[in-house]
Protein backbone atom coordinates (compact mmCIF):
# COMPACT_ATOMS: atom_id res chain seq x y z
CA MET A 1 8.11 3.87 -22.24
CA THR A 2 8.96 5.30 -25.18
CA ASP A 3 11.48 7.86 -24.10
CA GLU A 4 14.34 6.87 -22.35
CA ASP A 5 14.31 8.43 -19.59
CA ASN A 6 10.83 8.35 -18.83
CA PHE A 7 11.70 4.64 -19.12
CA SER A 8 14.78 4.49 -16.91
CA ALA A 9 12.21 6.84 -13.64
CA PHE A 10 9.23 5.21 -14.24
CA ALA A 11 9.74 1.53 -16.19
CA THR A 12 7.27 -1.00 -13.61
CA VAL A 13 8.85 -3.61 -12.56
CA ALA A 14 7.97 -5.83 -15.27
CA GLU A 15 8.94 -3.56 -18.21
CA LEU A 16 12.87 -3.61 -15.95
CA GLY A 17 12.31 -7.84 -15.76
CA ARG A 18 12.08 -8.60 -19.02
CA ALA A 19 14.22 -5.67 -20.55
CA LEU A 20 16.87 -7.71 -17.76
CA ALA A 21 15.42 -10.75 -19.86
CA ALA A 22 16.06 -9.39 -23.05
CA GLY A 23 19.85 -7.81 -22.27
CA LYS A 24 18.43 -4.19 -22.87
CA THR A 25 20.27 -3.66 -19.10
CA SER A 26 21.36 -4.76 -16.09
CA SER A 27 20.67 -4.97 -12.72
CA VAL A 28 23.31 -2.53 -11.94
CA GLU A 29 22.42 0.54 -14.21
CA ILE A 30 18.59 -0.35 -12.53
CA VAL A 31 19.88 -0.06 -9.23
CA CYS A 32 22.67 2.80 -10.02
CA ARG A 33 19.63 4.65 -11.28
CA ALA A 34 17.66 4.12 -8.40
CA LEU A 35 20.55 5.16 -6.21
CA ALA A 36 21.10 8.38 -7.93
CA ARG A 37 17.29 9.64 -8.22
CA VAL A 38 17.17 9.14 -4.59
CA ALA A 39 20.53 10.95 -4.52
CA ALA A 40 18.84 13.79 -7.08
CA HIS A 41 15.33 14.09 -5.83
CA ASP A 42 15.25 12.30 -1.80
CA GLY A 43 16.23 15.84 -0.24
CA GLU A 44 12.70 17.41 -2.18
CA LEU A 45 10.50 14.76 -1.33
CA HIS A 46 11.98 12.66 1.96
CA ALA A 47 10.32 8.99 1.38
CA PHE A 48 13.88 7.38 2.55
CA VAL A 49 14.97 7.66 6.19
CA MET A 50 17.82 5.21 4.83
CA THR A 51 19.45 3.81 1.72
CA PHE A 52 21.95 0.39 1.47
CA PRO A 53 24.20 1.70 -1.48
CA GLU A 54 27.29 -1.00 -1.08
CA GLN A 55 24.21 -4.22 -0.10
CA ALA A 56 22.43 -3.28 -3.50
CA LEU A 57 25.08 -2.86 -5.79
CA ALA A 58 26.59 -6.09 -4.64
CA ALA A 59 23.06 -7.55 -5.16
CA ALA A 60 22.79 -6.47 -8.33
CA GLU A 61 26.23 -7.88 -9.45
CA ALA A 62 24.85 -11.44 -7.96
CA ALA A 63 21.85 -11.41 -10.20
CA ASP A 64 23.88 -9.65 -13.36
CA ARG A 65 25.67 -12.82 -13.04
CA ARG A 66 23.24 -15.34 -12.53
CA ARG A 67 21.66 -14.58 -15.40
CA GLN A 68 24.88 -14.20 -17.67
CA GLU A 69 25.06 -17.97 -16.79
CA GLY A 70 21.63 -19.29 -17.18
CA ALA A 71 20.80 -18.84 -13.69
CA ALA A 72 18.27 -15.78 -13.46
CA LYS A 73 15.50 -16.51 -10.23
CA GLY A 74 12.79 -15.03 -12.22
CA LEU A 75 11.28 -12.08 -13.41
CA LEU A 76 12.08 -10.02 -10.41
CA ASP A 77 15.59 -11.28 -10.39
CA GLY A 78 17.66 -7.74 -10.40
CA ILE A 79 15.20 -5.63 -9.63
CA PRO A 80 15.32 -2.65 -6.40
CA PHE A 81 12.64 -2.20 -4.01
CA ALA A 82 12.51 -0.02 -0.89
CA ALA A 83 11.19 -0.95 2.59
CA LYS A 84 8.57 0.37 4.92
CA ASP A 85 10.32 1.07 8.14
CA LEU A 86 7.69 -0.92 9.87
CA LEU A 87 9.90 -3.52 8.79
CA ALA A 88 13.15 -5.09 10.82
CA VAL A 89 16.79 -5.17 8.46
CA GLU A 90 19.55 -7.14 10.14
CA GLY A 91 21.86 -4.65 11.46
CA TYR A 92 19.56 -1.80 11.06
CA PRO A 93 17.35 0.16 13.07
CA THR A 94 13.54 -0.29 13.13
CA MET A 95 12.63 3.42 14.20
CA ALA A 96 9.06 3.32 13.17
CA GLY A 97 9.08 6.95 12.16
CA SER A 98 9.57 7.89 15.51
CA ARG A 99 12.24 9.45 18.22
CA ALA A 100 10.84 7.22 20.82
CA LEU A 101 12.75 3.77 19.70
CA ASP A 102 16.35 2.45 21.06
CA GLY A 103 17.02 2.74 18.14
CA LYS A 104 18.60 -1.22 18.16
CA PRO A 105 19.23 -2.96 15.42
CA ALA A 106 17.14 -5.67 14.16
CA ALA A 107 18.97 -8.85 15.08
CA VAL A 108 16.34 -10.84 11.91
CA THR A 109 15.02 -9.35 9.05
CA ALA A 110 11.25 -9.64 7.80
CA GLN A 111 10.30 -13.00 6.01
CA VAL A 112 8.33 -10.90 3.19
CA ILE A 113 12.07 -8.93 2.91
CA ARG A 114 13.60 -12.54 2.82
CA ARG A 115 11.27 -13.89 0.68
CA LEU A 116 11.94 -10.49 -2.43
CA THR A 117 15.22 -10.89 -1.68
CA ASP A 118 15.28 -14.92 -2.27
CA VAL A 119 14.09 -14.54 -5.54
CA GLY A 120 16.46 -11.90 -6.58
CA MET A 121 14.56 -8.42 -6.30
CA VAL A 122 17.34 -6.03 -4.40
CA LEU A 123 16.56 -3.65 -1.14
CA LEU A 124 17.43 -0.45 -1.88
CA GLY A 125 16.51 1.21 1.51
CA LYS A 126 13.88 1.69 3.82
CA VAL A 127 11.12 4.44 3.54
CA GLN A 128 9.29 6.80 5.98
CA THR A 129 6.11 6.16 7.73
CA VAL A 130 3.80 7.64 9.67
CA GLU A 131 5.18 7.96 13.97
CA PHE A 132 3.78 4.00 14.09
CA ALA A 133 2.04 4.03 11.33
CA PHE A 134 -0.84 5.82 13.22
CA GLY A 135 -2.37 8.15 10.65
CA SER A 136 -4.02 8.36 7.54
CA TRP A 137 -2.94 11.26 5.94
CA GLY A 138 1.08 10.21 5.22
CA THR A 139 2.40 13.37 8.30
CA ASN A 140 5.16 13.16 10.80
CA ALA A 141 6.62 15.67 12.89
CA VAL A 142 8.94 13.84 14.76
CA ALA A 143 11.11 12.02 11.54
CA GLY A 144 10.04 14.97 8.79
CA THR A 145 6.53 13.76 6.29
CA PRO A 146 6.68 13.12 2.83
CA LEU A 147 5.72 15.59 -0.06
CA ASN A 148 3.18 14.32 -2.49
CA PRO A 149 5.10 14.49 -5.74
CA TYR A 150 2.05 15.55 -8.00
CA ASP A 151 1.98 19.15 -6.90
CA ARG A 152 5.61 20.63 -6.26
CA ALA A 153 4.50 24.26 -5.40
CA VAL A 154 2.16 23.65 -2.50
CA PRO A 155 3.09 20.61 0.02
CA ARG A 156 0.62 18.43 -0.41
CA ALA A 157 -0.03 15.27 2.07
CA PRO A 158 1.10 12.22 0.56
CA GLY A 159 -1.44 9.75 2.62
CA GLY A 160 -0.47 7.30 4.99
CA SER A 161 0.87 5.46 6.94
CA SER A 162 3.25 4.22 4.41
CA SER A 163 3.22 7.35 3.04
CA GLY A 164 7.52 6.89 2.06
CA SER A 165 6.43 3.71 0.15
CA GLY A 166 3.59 6.17 -2.11
CA VAL A 167 5.98 8.57 -2.88
CA ALA A 168 9.50 6.58 -3.73
CA VAL A 169 7.21 4.67 -6.37
CA ALA A 170 5.43 7.39 -7.66
CA ALA A 171 8.10 10.28 -7.91
CA GLY A 172 10.21 6.51 -10.01
CA LEU A 173 13.08 6.45 -7.31
CA VAL A 174 12.30 3.11 -6.97
CA PRO A 175 9.91 0.89 -8.54
CA ALA A 176 8.10 -0.94 -6.11
CA ALA A 177 8.19 -0.96 -2.71
CA LEU A 178 6.60 -2.60 0.56
CA GLY A 179 3.54 -0.86 2.32
CA THR A 180 1.29 -1.50 5.51
CA ASP A 181 -2.08 -1.74 5.84
CA THR A 182 -4.24 -1.67 9.01
CA THR A 183 -6.56 0.32 8.20
CA GLY A 184 -6.55 1.86 4.97
CA SER A 185 -2.40 2.18 5.31
CA ILE A 186 -1.38 1.18 1.60
CA ARG A 187 -4.25 1.71 -0.59
CA ASN A 188 -4.54 6.05 1.45
CA PRO A 189 -0.65 6.76 -0.44
CA SER A 190 -1.61 5.14 -3.15
CA GLY A 191 -4.87 7.05 -4.20
CA MET A 192 -3.21 10.17 -2.77
CA CYS A 193 0.06 9.15 -4.64
CA GLY A 194 -1.39 7.46 -8.39
CA VAL A 195 0.52 3.59 -7.98
CA VAL A 196 -1.66 1.17 -6.89
CA GLY A 197 -1.47 -0.21 -3.79
CA LEU A 198 -2.93 -4.27 -2.69
CA LYS A 199 -4.24 -4.65 0.74
CA THR A 200 -3.69 -8.29 1.32
CA THR A 201 -5.78 -10.52 3.41
CA ALA A 202 -4.98 -10.69 7.05
CA GLY A 203 -2.30 -14.44 6.54
CA LEU A 204 -2.05 -14.49 2.80
CA VAL A 205 1.70 -12.20 3.30
CA GLY A 206 3.63 -13.16 6.58
CA ARG A 207 4.71 -10.41 9.32
CA GLY A 208 7.13 -12.15 10.93
CA GLY A 209 10.05 -8.73 11.59
CA LEU A 210 7.21 -6.28 11.52
CA LEU A 211 6.25 -4.00 14.67
CA PRO A 212 2.75 -4.22 14.65
CA LEU A 213 -0.03 -1.58 15.23
CA ALA A 214 -3.05 -3.70 15.53
CA SER A 215 -3.47 -7.00 15.45
CA THR A 216 -6.54 -8.03 14.16
CA PHE A 217 -5.72 -5.22 11.02
CA ASP A 218 -2.50 -5.60 9.82
CA SER A 219 -1.19 -6.41 6.54
CA ILE A 220 1.74 -6.01 4.07
CA GLY A 221 1.53 -5.74 0.76
CA PRO A 222 3.11 -4.36 -2.67
CA MET A 223 3.42 -0.38 -3.96
CA VAL A 224 3.77 -0.50 -7.52
CA ARG A 225 3.24 0.91 -10.92
CA SER A 226 0.94 -2.00 -12.10
CA VAL A 227 -1.78 -4.03 -11.90
CA GLU A 228 0.98 -6.87 -13.25
CA ASP A 229 3.80 -5.82 -10.94
CA ALA A 230 1.25 -6.61 -7.61
CA ALA A 231 0.20 -10.18 -9.32
CA LEU A 232 4.74 -10.34 -9.22
CA MET A 233 5.21 -9.12 -6.03
CA LEU A 234 2.25 -11.40 -4.36
CA ALA A 235 3.55 -13.98 -6.32
CA ALA A 236 6.97 -14.35 -4.31
CA MET A 237 5.55 -12.37 -1.04
CA GLU A 238 2.66 -14.62 -0.06
CA GLY A 239 3.44 -18.18 2.54
CA ARG A 240 3.37 -19.83 5.44
CA ASP A 241 5.38 -17.71 8.32
CA ALA A 242 6.72 -19.65 11.50
CA ASP A 243 6.76 -16.40 13.08
CA ASP A 244 3.06 -15.47 12.50
CA SER A 245 0.51 -18.09 13.49
CA ALA A 246 -2.23 -16.37 10.90
CA THR A 247 -0.23 -17.67 8.12
CA ALA A 248 -0.64 -21.51 9.40
CA ARG A 249 -3.68 -22.20 7.02
CA MET A 250 -3.31 -19.98 3.72
CA THR A 251 -2.81 -22.28 0.82
CA PRO A 252 -0.99 -20.32 -2.29
CA THR A 253 -3.45 -18.42 -4.10
CA PHE A 254 -1.20 -18.08 -7.90
CA PRO A 255 -2.26 -14.66 -8.73
CA LEU A 256 -0.78 -14.35 -11.25
CA ALA A 257 -2.89 -17.44 -13.21
CA GLY A 258 -5.91 -15.41 -13.81
CA LEU A 259 -5.04 -12.11 -14.09
CA ASP A 260 -6.05 -11.68 -17.55
CA ARG A 261 -9.35 -13.59 -17.13
CA GLY A 262 -11.45 -10.55 -17.70
CA VAL A 263 -14.39 -8.99 -16.10
CA ALA A 264 -16.91 -10.64 -18.22
CA GLY A 265 -20.07 -11.53 -16.55
CA MET A 266 -18.79 -10.31 -13.12
CA ARG A 267 -21.01 -8.73 -11.72
CA LEU A 268 -20.03 -5.91 -8.81
CA ARG A 269 -21.32 -3.74 -6.33
CA ILE A 270 -21.17 -0.27 -5.73
CA PRO A 271 -23.15 2.12 -2.74
CA ALA A 272 -25.58 3.84 -3.50
CA GLU A 273 -25.48 7.58 -4.68
CA ALA A 274 -26.67 7.66 -0.48
CA ASP A 275 -23.01 5.67 0.39
CA MET A 276 -21.18 8.96 -2.11
CA ALA A 277 -22.51 11.97 0.06
CA SER A 278 -18.75 12.75 0.22
CA VAL A 279 -17.10 12.00 -2.49
CA ALA A 280 -16.07 14.61 -4.26
CA PRO A 281 -17.33 15.48 -7.91
CA GLY A 282 -14.51 15.00 -9.45
CA ILE A 283 -13.47 11.61 -7.61
CA ARG A 284 -16.78 10.80 -8.65
CA GLN A 285 -16.40 11.34 -12.49
CA ARG A 286 -13.29 9.11 -12.57
CA PHE A 287 -15.31 6.84 -10.40
CA GLN A 288 -17.65 6.65 -13.31
CA ALA A 289 -16.05 6.31 -16.47
CA ALA A 290 -14.08 3.09 -14.58
CA LEU A 291 -17.29 1.73 -14.06
CA ALA A 292 -18.12 2.81 -17.37
CA ASP A 293 -15.17 0.73 -18.38
CA LEU A 294 -15.55 -2.34 -16.59
CA GLU A 295 -18.94 -2.52 -18.04
CA SER A 296 -17.91 -2.51 -21.60
CA LEU A 297 -15.86 -5.41 -21.30
CA GLY A 298 -18.50 -6.82 -20.23
CA ALA A 299 -19.44 -6.14 -16.12
CA THR A 300 -22.46 -5.86 -14.39
CA ILE A 301 -22.52 -2.38 -11.93
CA ASP A 302 -25.32 -3.67 -9.65
CA GLN A 303 -25.85 -0.49 -6.75
CA ARG A 304 -27.29 -1.34 -3.09
CA PRO A 305 -26.96 1.11 -0.28
CA MET A 306 -24.72 -0.78 2.29
CA PRO A 307 -25.69 -1.67 5.56
CA GLN A 308 -24.21 0.30 7.72
CA SER A 309 -23.46 4.03 6.85
CA THR A 310 -19.23 4.44 6.49
CA GLU A 311 -19.76 6.02 9.93
CA ALA A 312 -20.11 3.44 11.53
CA TYR A 313 -17.54 0.88 9.82
CA MET A 314 -15.10 4.24 10.84
CA THR A 315 -16.30 4.41 14.26
CA HIS A 316 -16.02 0.48 14.90
CA ALA A 317 -12.37 -0.04 13.19
CA GLY A 318 -11.08 3.11 14.81
CA ASP A 319 -12.66 1.89 18.18
CA ILE A 320 -10.29 -1.56 17.93
CA LEU A 321 -6.88 0.02 15.53
CA ALA A 322 -6.59 2.30 19.29
CA ALA A 323 -7.36 0.34 21.81
CA GLU A 324 -4.78 -2.79 19.98
CA ALA A 325 -2.35 0.39 19.43
CA TRP A 326 -2.96 1.80 22.88
CA ARG A 327 -1.42 -2.32 24.03
CA HIS A 328 1.63 -1.68 21.24
CA ILE A 329 2.56 2.02 22.00
CA GLY A 330 1.09 2.57 25.56
CA ARG A 331 4.01 2.40 26.93
CA TYR A 332 6.20 4.48 24.95
CA VAL A 333 3.33 7.30 25.18
CA GLU A 334 3.03 6.98 29.09
CA ALA A 335 7.59 6.82 29.44
CA PRO A 336 8.57 10.02 31.27
CA GLY A 337 9.54 12.95 28.81
CA SER A 338 7.68 10.69 26.46
CA VAL A 339 8.87 12.40 22.96
CA VAL A 340 5.87 11.00 21.07
CA ASP A 341 4.15 13.78 18.63
CA PRO A 342 0.70 14.67 20.12
CA ALA A 343 -1.41 14.26 17.53
CA ILE A 344 -0.23 10.33 17.96
CA ARG A 345 0.08 10.34 21.60
CA THR A 346 -3.82 11.94 21.43
CA ARG A 347 -5.16 8.74 19.25
CA ALA A 348 -3.61 6.31 20.99
CA LEU A 349 -4.83 7.59 24.90
CA LYS A 350 -8.17 6.62 23.20
CA GLY A 351 -7.57 3.19 23.17
CA LYS A 352 -6.96 3.41 26.61
CA THR A 353 -10.50 4.24 27.82
CA ILE A 354 -11.59 1.01 26.20
CA ASP A 355 -11.57 -1.46 28.73
CA GLY A 356 -11.89 -5.28 28.09
CA ALA A 357 -15.84 -5.74 28.18
CA ARG A 358 -15.05 -2.81 25.56
CA TYR A 359 -13.03 -4.37 23.39
CA GLN A 360 -15.60 -7.75 23.70
CA GLU A 361 -18.06 -5.90 22.38
CA LEU A 362 -16.45 -4.62 19.31
CA ILE A 363 -15.08 -7.87 18.96
CA GLU A 364 -18.66 -9.64 18.84
CA THR A 365 -20.41 -6.55 17.34
CA ARG A 366 -17.25 -7.48 14.34
CA ARG A 367 -18.22 -11.13 13.97
CA ALA A 368 -21.93 -10.19 13.46
CA ARG A 369 -20.93 -7.54 10.88
CA GLN A 370 -19.13 -9.46 9.69
CA ALA A 371 -22.34 -12.08 9.02
CA GLU A 372 -24.19 -9.06 7.75
CA PHE A 373 -21.81 -7.58 5.05
CA ALA A 374 -20.87 -10.87 3.44
CA ARG A 375 -25.05 -11.04 2.87
CA TYR A 376 -24.89 -7.48 1.14
CA MET A 377 -21.98 -9.59 -0.93
CA GLU A 378 -24.00 -12.23 -2.25
CA GLY A 379 -24.52 -12.40 -5.74
CA ALA A 380 -21.49 -10.17 -6.39
CA ASP A 381 -18.40 -10.55 -7.27
CA ALA A 382 -16.74 -7.17 -5.43
CA PHE A 383 -17.63 -4.06 -4.06
CA LEU A 384 -15.57 -1.04 -6.14
CA THR A 385 -15.59 2.54 -4.33
CA PRO A 386 -13.65 5.00 -4.75
CA THR A 387 -10.34 4.86 -2.34
CA ALA A 388 -10.85 8.40 -0.86
CA PRO A 389 -13.65 11.12 -1.43
CA ILE A 390 -10.74 13.59 -2.13
CA THR A 391 -7.68 14.34 -3.93
CA ALA A 392 -4.55 14.86 -2.12
CA PRO A 393 -5.57 18.00 0.32
CA SER A 394 -2.03 20.58 1.24
CA LEU A 395 -0.17 20.20 4.14
CA ALA A 396 -1.64 23.71 5.37
CA ASP A 397 -5.18 22.74 5.17
CA LEU A 398 -5.21 19.56 7.60
CA ASP A 399 -6.85 18.96 10.45
CA GLU A 400 -5.09 15.89 12.16
CA GLY A 401 -8.40 15.20 14.41
CA THR A 402 -10.28 14.04 11.35
CA THR A 403 -9.82 12.42 8.74
CA THR A 404 -12.53 11.73 5.34
CA LEU A 405 -9.18 8.74 4.05
CA GLY A 406 -10.92 6.05 5.46
CA THR A 407 -14.93 6.54 4.63
CA TYR A 408 -14.19 3.29 2.41
CA SER A 409 -10.50 1.72 3.69
CA ARG A 410 -11.76 0.80 7.26
CA LEU A 411 -14.17 -1.63 6.46
CA VAL A 412 -12.15 -3.82 4.20
CA ASN A 413 -9.62 -4.33 7.31
CA LEU A 414 -12.77 -4.33 9.86
CA MET A 415 -14.47 -6.88 7.26
CA ASP A 416 -11.14 -9.21 6.64
CA MET A 417 -11.33 -8.44 3.03
CA ALA A 418 -8.82 -7.61 0.18
CA ALA A 419 -8.71 -4.53 -1.69
CA LEU A 420 -6.74 -3.15 -4.91
CA SER A 421 -6.33 0.26 -5.20
CA VAL A 422 -5.77 1.22 -8.85
CA PRO A 423 -4.97 5.11 -10.24
CA VAL A 424 -8.39 6.06 -12.67
CA GLY A 425 -6.60 9.07 -13.73
CA LEU A 426 -5.78 13.30 -12.07
CA VAL A 427 -8.43 15.68 -10.77
CA ASP A 428 -7.39 19.01 -11.29
CA GLY A 429 -3.94 17.69 -11.77
CA LEU A 430 -3.93 15.37 -8.74
CA PRO A 431 -4.44 11.43 -8.72
CA SER A 432 -7.92 10.23 -8.10
CA GLY A 433 -8.27 5.60 -6.87
CA LEU A 434 -10.58 3.12 -7.58
CA GLN A 435 -10.69 0.32 -5.41
CA ILE A 436 -11.60 -2.92 -5.62
CA VAL A 437 -13.08 -5.06 -2.35
CA VAL A 438 -13.11 -8.51 -2.91
CA ARG A 439 -13.51 -11.48 -0.13
CA ARG A 440 -10.77 -13.36 2.13
CA PHE A 441 -8.43 -14.71 0.40
CA HIS A 442 -9.88 -14.11 -3.29
CA ASP A 443 -6.90 -11.26 -3.71
CA PRO A 444 -6.35 -12.12 -7.56
CA LEU A 445 -9.75 -11.64 -8.34
CA ALA A 446 -9.23 -8.21 -7.45
CA LEU A 447 -5.53 -8.56 -9.41
CA ALA A 448 -7.54 -9.35 -12.16
CA ILE A 449 -10.14 -7.29 -11.98
CA GLY A 450 -8.00 -4.25 -11.84
CA ARG A 451 -6.28 -5.70 -14.42
CA ALA A 452 -8.48 -5.89 -17.26
CA LEU A 453 -8.42 -2.19 -16.63
CA GLU A 454 -5.59 -1.60 -16.91
CA VAL A 455 -5.17 -2.82 -20.71
CA LYS A 456 -8.29 -1.50 -21.45
CA ARG A 457 -6.64 1.70 -21.20
CA GLY A 458 -4.21 1.04 -22.98
CA GLY A 459 -1.71 -1.39 -20.27
CA SER A 460 -0.94 1.41 -17.57
CA LEU A 461 -3.10 3.07 -15.23
CA PHE A 462 0.22 5.20 -13.62
CA ASP A 463 0.91 8.92 -15.01
CA PRO A 464 3.81 9.92 -13.36
CA PRO A 465 3.89 13.02 -11.97
CA ALA A 466 5.60 16.06 -14.11
CA GLY A 467 9.48 17.78 -13.23
CA PHE A 468 10.56 13.98 -12.00
CA ALA A 469 12.48 13.74 -15.49
CA ALA A 470 15.40 10.84 -15.26
CA PRO A 471 18.84 12.54 -13.47
């Protein structure tokens, strides 16, 4: 960024880190600027649940002292981030976008937040989520819906469930945020808010301190403004967690090591035309343009029909999600005088109807479909789709009983894979995204593919929304 206002508002994590290393700014300045932007714009956007100004400024001052003493912890030291309000922060309640929880302060901080603060990052606050993270559009009738920053005239869906994370990063309130992804909850808001979002392999980033929705699918990942930022964040976030047995056998993936490897010689598979029937024309054009860029960099695009319909994958993942969500939140739904939103209640009650035999059948079918999809991926390095088939709809036009956002996202969690969503341009002023799907624990490969596209397009895929200049 060359314009000072844009630099201060929309700089990437890497840009801020390099500016700190060069002595061009300080962590206190960056944190103060972020707090000022939250004060100036969040009344309209409604991304934040709470901020921690005193603690954040104290952490920023400590980061500046370390840098002055030549003891900086690395490029992330002194840079602010936000956390989705499903992640515990010691001394503060985890409300999960609901009024049904007791509001008791957490006794410990989530492991992933501790990993980031251990390398010097500064927790600025907690951001909104769909109630219990159980929804794709990003709406929350109980705690309030964050508004997509790309249209100030018409209130539009931010995508969910990590709605506050997507809005806060896109609008320049904070350079990075943590989201969670159960069947698309990082990628949906990333695609609709025009930011970079990584759905990590389950078992790569520890989930200790995360309020679960569906433990089979839940994962934690970064939402940022560049692929480089996602790699920097993942390098700090990944690792074993004593409170998450899924991480017991993980080994570091070193996402920065091959980030700039390029895509020459890679084979990238895409769905057949019949599998993309629901994709809007403008989204299709942006998708094809991204594919052309990757081809120009030496990749081969290989089109094949998907083994099952997108609807089959959506339904299958949705049933597992509902069954496991009932286990976690059913008691709040059935409590006398329940204050859970009726839309969330309806989704949860579906899970109550899935008995043990049906659940076992769903899990066995999942294993069969994973083997089937592994055969589909043979000979390919990655699988590419639009992140979502549409751009952000107006809130007035939403049907909370249906969603098209899981068309290509749900199958990733169902298959136990990883995926990166990167912005690939605006359609009628609204962001569109490319989803890069890779095999389990191949997260760095998705980052390398996204990074190649980022470099090809001038080093940035992020297109800041108009109307949010720095205060």
